[in-house]
Amino acid sequence: ATLDETIDELAKLVTIEVKDRKRFK
């Protein structure tokens, strides 16, 4: 899947904050 779609799905299982997404990108 796309990167954003994958992260959105993972966020349903584990806590992913805005700063985690920014740092990851």
PDB file of all heavy atoms in Angstrom:
ATOM      1  N   ALA A   1       0.861  -1.186   0.000  1.00  0.00           N
ATOM      2  CA  ALA A   1       0.000   0.000   0.000  1.00  0.00           C
ATOM      3  C   ALA A   1       0.901   1.240   0.000  1.00  0.00           C
ATOM      4  O   ALA A   1       2.121   1.140   0.068  1.00  0.00           O
ATOM      5  CB  ALA A   1      -0.902  -0.002   1.233  1.00  0.00           C
ATOM      6  N   THR A   2       0.291   2.449  -0.055  1.00  0.00           N
ATOM      7  CA  THR A   2       1.093   3.669   0.016  1.00  0.00           C
ATOM      8  C   THR A   2       1.604   3.839   1.443  1.00  0.00           C
ATOM      9  O   THR A   2       1.057   3.252   2.393  1.00  0.00           O
ATOM     10  CB  THR A   2       0.280   4.913  -0.369  1.00  0.00           C
ATOM     11  OG1 THR A   2      -0.719   5.142   0.641  1.00  0.00           O
ATOM     12  CG2 THR A   2      -0.371   4.744  -1.724  1.00  0.00           C
ATOM     13  N   LEU A   3       2.601   4.681   1.581  1.00  0.00           N
ATOM     14  CA  LEU A   3       3.210   4.922   2.893  1.00  0.00           C
ATOM     15  C   LEU A   3       2.193   5.497   3.868  1.00  0.00           C
ATOM     16  O   LEU A   3       2.062   5.035   5.013  1.00  0.00           O
ATOM     17  CB  LEU A   3       4.404   5.877   2.735  1.00  0.00           C
ATOM     18  CG  LEU A   3       5.478   5.876   3.819  1.00  0.00           C
ATOM     19  CD1 LEU A   3       5.995   4.490   4.121  1.00  0.00           C
ATOM     20  CD2 LEU A   3       6.641   6.777   3.390  1.00  0.00           C
ATOM     21  N   ASP A   4       1.439   6.497   3.439  1.00  0.00           N
ATOM     22  CA  ASP A   4       0.462   7.141   4.316  1.00  0.00           C
ATOM     23  C   ASP A   4      -0.652   6.169   4.719  1.00  0.00           C
ATOM     24  O   ASP A   4      -1.090   6.161   5.878  1.00  0.00           O
ATOM     25  CB  ASP A   4      -0.141   8.378   3.648  1.00  0.00           C
ATOM     26  CG  ASP A   4       0.839   9.547   3.614  1.00  0.00           C
ATOM     27  OD1 ASP A   4       1.720   9.600   4.507  1.00  0.00           O
ATOM     28  OD2 ASP A   4       0.751  10.394   2.700  1.00  0.00           O
ATOM     29  N   GLU A   5      -1.119   5.356   3.759  1.00  0.00           N
ATOM     30  CA  GLU A   5      -2.163   4.373   4.070  1.00  0.00           C
ATOM     31  C   GLU A   5      -1.666   3.367   5.101  1.00  0.00           C
ATOM     32  O   GLU A   5      -2.393   2.998   6.036  1.00  0.00           O
ATOM     33  CB  GLU A   5      -2.600   3.643   2.800  1.00  0.00           C
ATOM     34  CG  GLU A   5      -3.445   4.493   1.860  1.00  0.00           C
ATOM     35  CD  GLU A   5      -3.670   3.821   0.508  1.00  0.00           C
ATOM     36  OE1 GLU A   5      -2.982   2.803   0.218  1.00  0.00           O
ATOM     37  OE2 GLU A   5      -4.521   4.313  -0.253  1.00  0.00           O
ATOM     38  N   THR A   6      -0.436   2.922   4.930  1.00  0.00           N
ATOM     39  CA  THR A   6       0.149   1.943   5.860  1.00  0.00           C
ATOM     40  C   THR A   6       0.239   2.530   7.266  1.00  0.00           C
ATOM     41  O   THR A   6      -0.129   1.873   8.250  1.00  0.00           O
ATOM     42  CB  THR A   6       1.561   1.526   5.389  1.00  0.00           C
ATOM     43  OG1 THR A   6       1.462   0.978   4.075  1.00  0.00           O
ATOM     44  CG2 THR A   6       2.167   0.505   6.340  1.00  0.00           C
ATOM     45  N   ILE A   7       0.724   3.778   7.356  1.00  0.00           N
ATOM     46  CA  ILE A   7       0.862   4.410   8.671  1.00  0.00           C
ATOM     47  C   ILE A   7      -0.516   4.607   9.320  1.00  0.00           C
ATOM     48  O   ILE A   7      -0.682   4.395  10.525  1.00  0.00           O
ATOM     49  CB  ILE A   7       1.615   5.762   8.551  1.00  0.00           C
ATOM     50  CG1 ILE A   7       3.063   5.517   8.109  1.00  0.00           C
ATOM     51  CG2 ILE A   7       1.591   6.521   9.877  1.00  0.00           C
ATOM     52  CD1 ILE A   7       3.852   6.770   7.794  1.00  0.00           C
ATOM     53  N   ASP A   8      -1.522   5.003   8.533  1.00  0.00           N
ATOM     54  CA  ASP A   8      -2.872   5.182   9.074  1.00  0.00           C
ATOM     55  C   ASP A   8      -3.415   3.873   9.651  1.00  0.00           C
ATOM     56  O   ASP A   8      -4.056   3.873  10.710  1.00  0.00           O
ATOM     57  CB  ASP A   8      -3.822   5.693   7.984  1.00  0.00           C
ATOM     58  CG  ASP A   8      -3.534   7.154   7.616  1.00  0.00           C
ATOM     59  OD1 ASP A   8      -2.890   7.850   8.431  1.00  0.00           O
ATOM     60  OD2 ASP A   8      -3.937   7.561   6.506  1.00  0.00           O
ATOM     61  N   GLU A   9      -3.170   2.765   8.975  1.00  0.00           N
ATOM     62  CA  GLU A   9      -3.629   1.460   9.465  1.00  0.00           C
ATOM     63  C   GLU A   9      -2.869   1.045  10.723  1.00  0.00           C
ATOM     64  O   GLU A   9      -3.446   0.506  11.666  1.00  0.00           O
ATOM     65  CB  GLU A   9      -3.470   0.397   8.369  1.00  0.00           C
ATOM     66  CG  GLU A   9      -4.490   0.482   7.260  1.00  0.00           C
ATOM     67  CD  GLU A   9      -5.913   0.324   7.791  1.00  0.00           C
ATOM     68  OE1 GLU A   9      -6.172  -0.666   8.525  1.00  0.00           O
ATOM     69  OE2 GLU A   9      -6.752   1.195   7.497  1.00  0.00           O
ATOM     70  N   LEU A  10      -1.547   1.307  10.737  1.00  0.00           N
ATOM     71  CA  LEU A  10      -0.737   0.963  11.913  1.00  0.00           C
ATOM     72  C   LEU A  10      -1.178   1.773  13.132  1.00  0.00           C
ATOM     73  O   LEU A  10      -1.120   1.285  14.266  1.00  0.00           O
ATOM     74  CB  LEU A  10       0.748   1.224  11.627  1.00  0.00           C
ATOM     75  CG  LEU A  10       1.436   0.245  10.682  1.00  0.00           C
ATOM     76  CD1 LEU A  10       2.821   0.771  10.286  1.00  0.00           C
ATOM     77  CD2 LEU A  10       1.576  -1.137  11.334  1.00  0.00           C
ATOM     78  N   ALA A  11      -1.625   3.017  12.891  1.00  0.00           N
ATOM     79  CA  ALA A  11      -2.048   3.898  13.990  1.00  0.00           C
ATOM     80  C   ALA A  11      -3.275   3.345  14.724  1.00  0.00           C
ATOM     81  O   ALA A  11      -3.569   3.772  15.850  1.00  0.00           O
ATOM     82  CB  ALA A  11      -2.332   5.298  13.457  1.00  0.00           C
ATOM     83  N   LYS A  12      -3.996   2.403  14.098  1.00  0.00           N
ATOM     84  CA  LYS A  12      -5.138   1.771  14.760  1.00  0.00           C
ATOM     85  C   LYS A  12      -4.685   0.713  15.772  1.00  0.00           C
ATOM     86  O   LYS A  12      -5.458   0.314  16.643  1.00  0.00           O
ATOM     87  CB  LYS A  12      -6.058   1.126  13.722  1.00  0.00           C
ATOM     88  CG  LYS A  12      -6.687   2.136  12.763  1.00  0.00           C
ATOM     89  CD  LYS A  12      -7.481   1.424  11.664  1.00  0.00           C
ATOM     90  CE  LYS A  12      -8.046   2.442  10.655  1.00  0.00           C
ATOM     91  NZ  LYS A  12      -8.755   1.776   9.535  1.00  0.00           N
ATOM     92  N   LEU A  13      -3.398   0.297  15.631  1.00  0.00           N
ATOM     93  CA  LEU A  13      -2.871  -0.750  16.512  1.00  0.00           C
ATOM     94  C   LEU A  13      -1.918  -0.202  17.580  1.00  0.00           C
ATOM     95  O   LEU A  13      -1.907  -0.682  18.712  1.00  0.00           O
ATOM     96  CB  LEU A  13      -2.121  -1.812  15.685  1.00  0.00           C
ATOM     97  CG  LEU A  13      -2.922  -2.525  14.609  1.00  0.00           C
ATOM     98  CD1 LEU A  13      -2.011  -3.427  13.783  1.00  0.00           C
ATOM     99  CD2 LEU A  13      -4.034  -3.364  15.253  1.00  0.00           C
ATOM    100  N   VAL A  14      -1.108   0.774  17.202  1.00  0.00           N
ATOM    101  CA  VAL A  14      -0.155   1.357  18.144  1.00  0.00           C
ATOM    102  C   VAL A  14      -0.279   2.886  18.092  1.00  0.00           C
ATOM    103  O   VAL A  14      -0.727   3.439  17.087  1.00  0.00           O
ATOM    104  CB  VAL A  14       1.301   0.945  17.828  1.00  0.00           C
ATOM    105  CG1 VAL A  14       1.467  -0.560  17.883  1.00  0.00           C
ATOM    106  CG2 VAL A  14       1.759   1.479  16.486  1.00  0.00           C
ATOM    107  N   THR A  15       0.138   3.547  19.151  1.00  0.00           N
ATOM    108  CA  THR A  15       0.064   5.009  19.201  1.00  0.00           C
ATOM    109  C   THR A  15       1.124   5.618  18.275  1.00  0.00           C
ATOM    110  O   THR A  15       2.316   5.343  18.426  1.00  0.00           O
ATOM    111  CB  THR A  15       0.295   5.525  20.633  1.00  0.00           C
ATOM    112  OG1 THR A  15      -0.688   4.930  21.496  1.00  0.00           O
ATOM    113  CG2 THR A  15       0.191   7.041  20.693  1.00  0.00           C
ATOM    114  N   ILE A  16       0.677   6.422  17.312  1.00  0.00           N
ATOM    115  CA  ILE A  16       1.602   7.121  16.413  1.00  0.00           C
ATOM    116  C   ILE A  16       1.218   8.594  16.429  1.00  0.00           C
ATOM    117  O   ILE A  16       0.143   8.973  15.958  1.00  0.00           O
ATOM    118  CB  ILE A  16       1.541   6.557  14.977  1.00  0.00           C
ATOM    119  CG1 ILE A  16       1.948   5.078  14.981  1.00  0.00           C
ATOM    120  CG2 ILE A  16       2.457   7.361  14.046  1.00  0.00           C
ATOM    121  CD1 ILE A  16       1.741   4.381  13.654  1.00  0.00           C
ATOM    122  N   GLU A  17       2.081   9.409  17.006  1.00  0.00           N
ATOM    123  CA  GLU A  17       1.795  10.828  17.150  1.00  0.00           C
ATOM    124  C   GLU A  17       2.255  11.601  15.914  1.00  0.00           C
ATOM    125  O   GLU A  17       2.990  11.079  15.077  1.00  0.00           O
ATOM    126  CB  GLU A  17       2.487  11.374  18.405  1.00  0.00           C
ATOM    127  CG  GLU A  17       1.969  10.748  19.692  1.00  0.00           C
ATOM    128  CD  GLU A  17       2.679  11.295  20.927  1.00  0.00           C
ATOM    129  OE1 GLU A  17       3.551  12.188  20.769  1.00  0.00           O
ATOM    130  OE2 GLU A  17       2.362  10.826  22.032  1.00  0.00           O
ATOM    131  N   VAL A  18       1.822  12.864  15.828  1.00  0.00           N
ATOM    132  CA  VAL A  18       2.185  13.717  14.694  1.00  0.00           C
ATOM    133  C   VAL A  18       3.701  13.845  14.582  1.00  0.00           C
ATOM    134  O   VAL A  18       4.277  13.780  13.493  1.00  0.00           O
ATOM    135  CB  VAL A  18       1.538  15.119  14.837  1.00  0.00           C
ATOM    136  CG1 VAL A  18       2.043  16.060  13.748  1.00  0.00           C
ATOM    137  CG2 VAL A  18       0.022  15.003  14.780  1.00  0.00           C
ATOM    138  N   LYS A  19       4.382  14.004  15.734  1.00  0.00           N
ATOM    139  CA  LYS A  19       5.843  14.156  15.705  1.00  0.00           C
ATOM    140  C   LYS A  19       6.538  12.879  15.213  1.00  0.00           C
ATOM    141  O   LYS A  19       7.590  12.935  14.590  1.00  0.00           O
ATOM    142  CB  LYS A  19       6.376  14.563  17.076  1.00  0.00           C
ATOM    143  CG  LYS A  19       6.250  13.520  18.165  1.00  0.00           C
ATOM    144  CD  LYS A  19       6.899  14.043  19.460  1.00  0.00           C
ATOM    145  CE  LYS A  19       6.847  12.969  20.536  1.00  0.00           C
ATOM    146  NZ  LYS A  19       7.494  13.426  21.800  1.00  0.00           N
ATOM    147  N   ASP A  20       5.907  11.697  15.473  1.00  0.00           N
ATOM    148  CA  ASP A  20       6.465  10.435  14.967  1.00  0.00           C
ATOM    149  C   ASP A  20       6.407  10.417  13.439  1.00  0.00           C
ATOM    150  O   ASP A  20       7.368  10.010  12.772  1.00  0.00           O
ATOM    151  CB  ASP A  20       5.693   9.228  15.512  1.00  0.00           C
ATOM    152  CG  ASP A  20       5.815   9.088  17.023  1.00  0.00           C
ATOM    153  OD1 ASP A  20       6.921   9.331  17.535  1.00  0.00           O
ATOM    154  OD2 ASP A  20       4.815   8.732  17.665  1.00  0.00           O
ATOM    155  N   ARG A  21       5.281  10.876  12.882  1.00  0.00           N
ATOM    156  CA  ARG A  21       5.117  10.907  11.428  1.00  0.00           C
ATOM    157  C   ARG A  21       6.112  11.874  10.789  1.00  0.00           C
ATOM    158  O   ARG A  21       6.730  11.554   9.771  1.00  0.00           O
ATOM    159  CB  ARG A  21       3.690  11.331  11.060  1.00  0.00           C
ATOM    160  CG  ARG A  21       2.612  10.309  11.432  1.00  0.00           C
ATOM    161  CD  ARG A  21       1.231  10.875  11.145  1.00  0.00           C
ATOM    162  NE  ARG A  21       0.164   9.987  11.561  1.00  0.00           N
ATOM    163  CZ  ARG A  21      -0.581   9.235  10.728  1.00  0.00           C
ATOM    164  NH1 ARG A  21      -0.343   9.275   9.432  1.00  0.00           N
ATOM    165  NH2 ARG A  21      -1.540   8.472  11.193  1.00  0.00           N
ATOM    166  N   LYS A  22       6.278  13.059  11.404  1.00  0.00           N
ATOM    167  CA  LYS A  22       7.191  14.063  10.843  1.00  0.00           C
ATOM    168  C   LYS A  22       8.638  13.566  10.877  1.00  0.00           C
ATOM    169  O   LYS A  22       9.387  13.720   9.910  1.00  0.00           O
ATOM    170  CB  LYS A  22       7.062  15.378  11.622  1.00  0.00           C
ATOM    171  CG  LYS A  22       5.761  16.121  11.353  1.00  0.00           C
ATOM    172  CD  LYS A  22       5.709  17.426  12.135  1.00  0.00           C
ATOM    173  CE  LYS A  22       4.450  18.221  11.822  1.00  0.00           C
ATOM    174  NZ  LYS A  22       4.363  19.472  12.620  1.00  0.00           N
ATOM    175  N   ARG A  23       9.002  12.973  11.999  1.00  0.00           N
ATOM    176  CA  ARG A  23      10.372  12.464  12.119  1.00  0.00           C
ATOM    177  C   ARG A  23      10.611  11.330  11.122  1.00  0.00           C
ATOM    178  O   ARG A  23      11.651  11.260  10.481  1.00  0.00           O
ATOM    179  CB  ARG A  23      10.631  11.980  13.546  1.00  0.00           C
ATOM    180  CG  ARG A  23      12.079  11.541  13.785  1.00  0.00           C
ATOM    181  CD  ARG A  23      12.297  11.015  15.178  1.00  0.00           C
ATOM    182  NE  ARG A  23      11.513   9.819  15.413  1.00  0.00           N
ATOM    183  CZ  ARG A  23      10.644   9.666  16.406  1.00  0.00           C
ATOM    184  NH1 ARG A  23      10.426  10.652  17.243  1.00  0.00           N
ATOM    185  NH2 ARG A  23       9.968   8.539  16.554  1.00  0.00           N
ATOM    186  N   PHE A  24       9.610  10.450  10.980  1.00  0.00           N
ATOM    187  CA  PHE A  24       9.727   9.316  10.069  1.00  0.00           C
ATOM    188  C   PHE A  24       9.924   9.795   8.629  1.00  0.00           C
ATOM    189  O   PHE A  24      10.800   9.303   7.915  1.00  0.00           O
ATOM    190  CB  PHE A  24       8.477   8.441  10.173  1.00  0.00           C
ATOM    191  CG  PHE A  24       8.439   7.307   9.180  1.00  0.00           C
ATOM    192  CD1 PHE A  24       9.219   6.177   9.367  1.00  0.00           C
ATOM    193  CD2 PHE A  24       7.646   7.386   8.042  1.00  0.00           C
ATOM    194  CE1 PHE A  24       9.194   5.129   8.453  1.00  0.00           C
ATOM    195  CE2 PHE A  24       7.620   6.355   7.124  1.00  0.00           C
ATOM    196  CZ  PHE A  24       8.397   5.224   7.325  1.00  0.00           C
ATOM    197  N   LYS A  25       9.131  10.773   8.200  1.00  0.00           N
ATOM    198  CA  LYS A  25       9.244  11.264   6.824  1.00  0.00           C
ATOM    199  C   LYS A  25      10.604  11.913   6.576  1.00  0.00           C
ATOM    200  O   LYS A  25      11.172  11.785   5.488  1.00  0.00           O
ATOM    201  CB  LYS A  25       8.112  12.240   6.529  1.00  0.00           C
ATOM    202  CG  LYS A  25       6.764  11.512   6.395  1.00  0.00           C
ATOM    203  CD  LYS A  25       5.624  12.430   6.019  1.00  0.00           C
ATOM    204  CE  LYS A  25       4.343  11.609   5.840  1.00  0.00           C
ATOM    205  NZ  LYS A  25       3.170  12.444   5.507  1.00  0.00           N
TER     206      LYS A  25
END
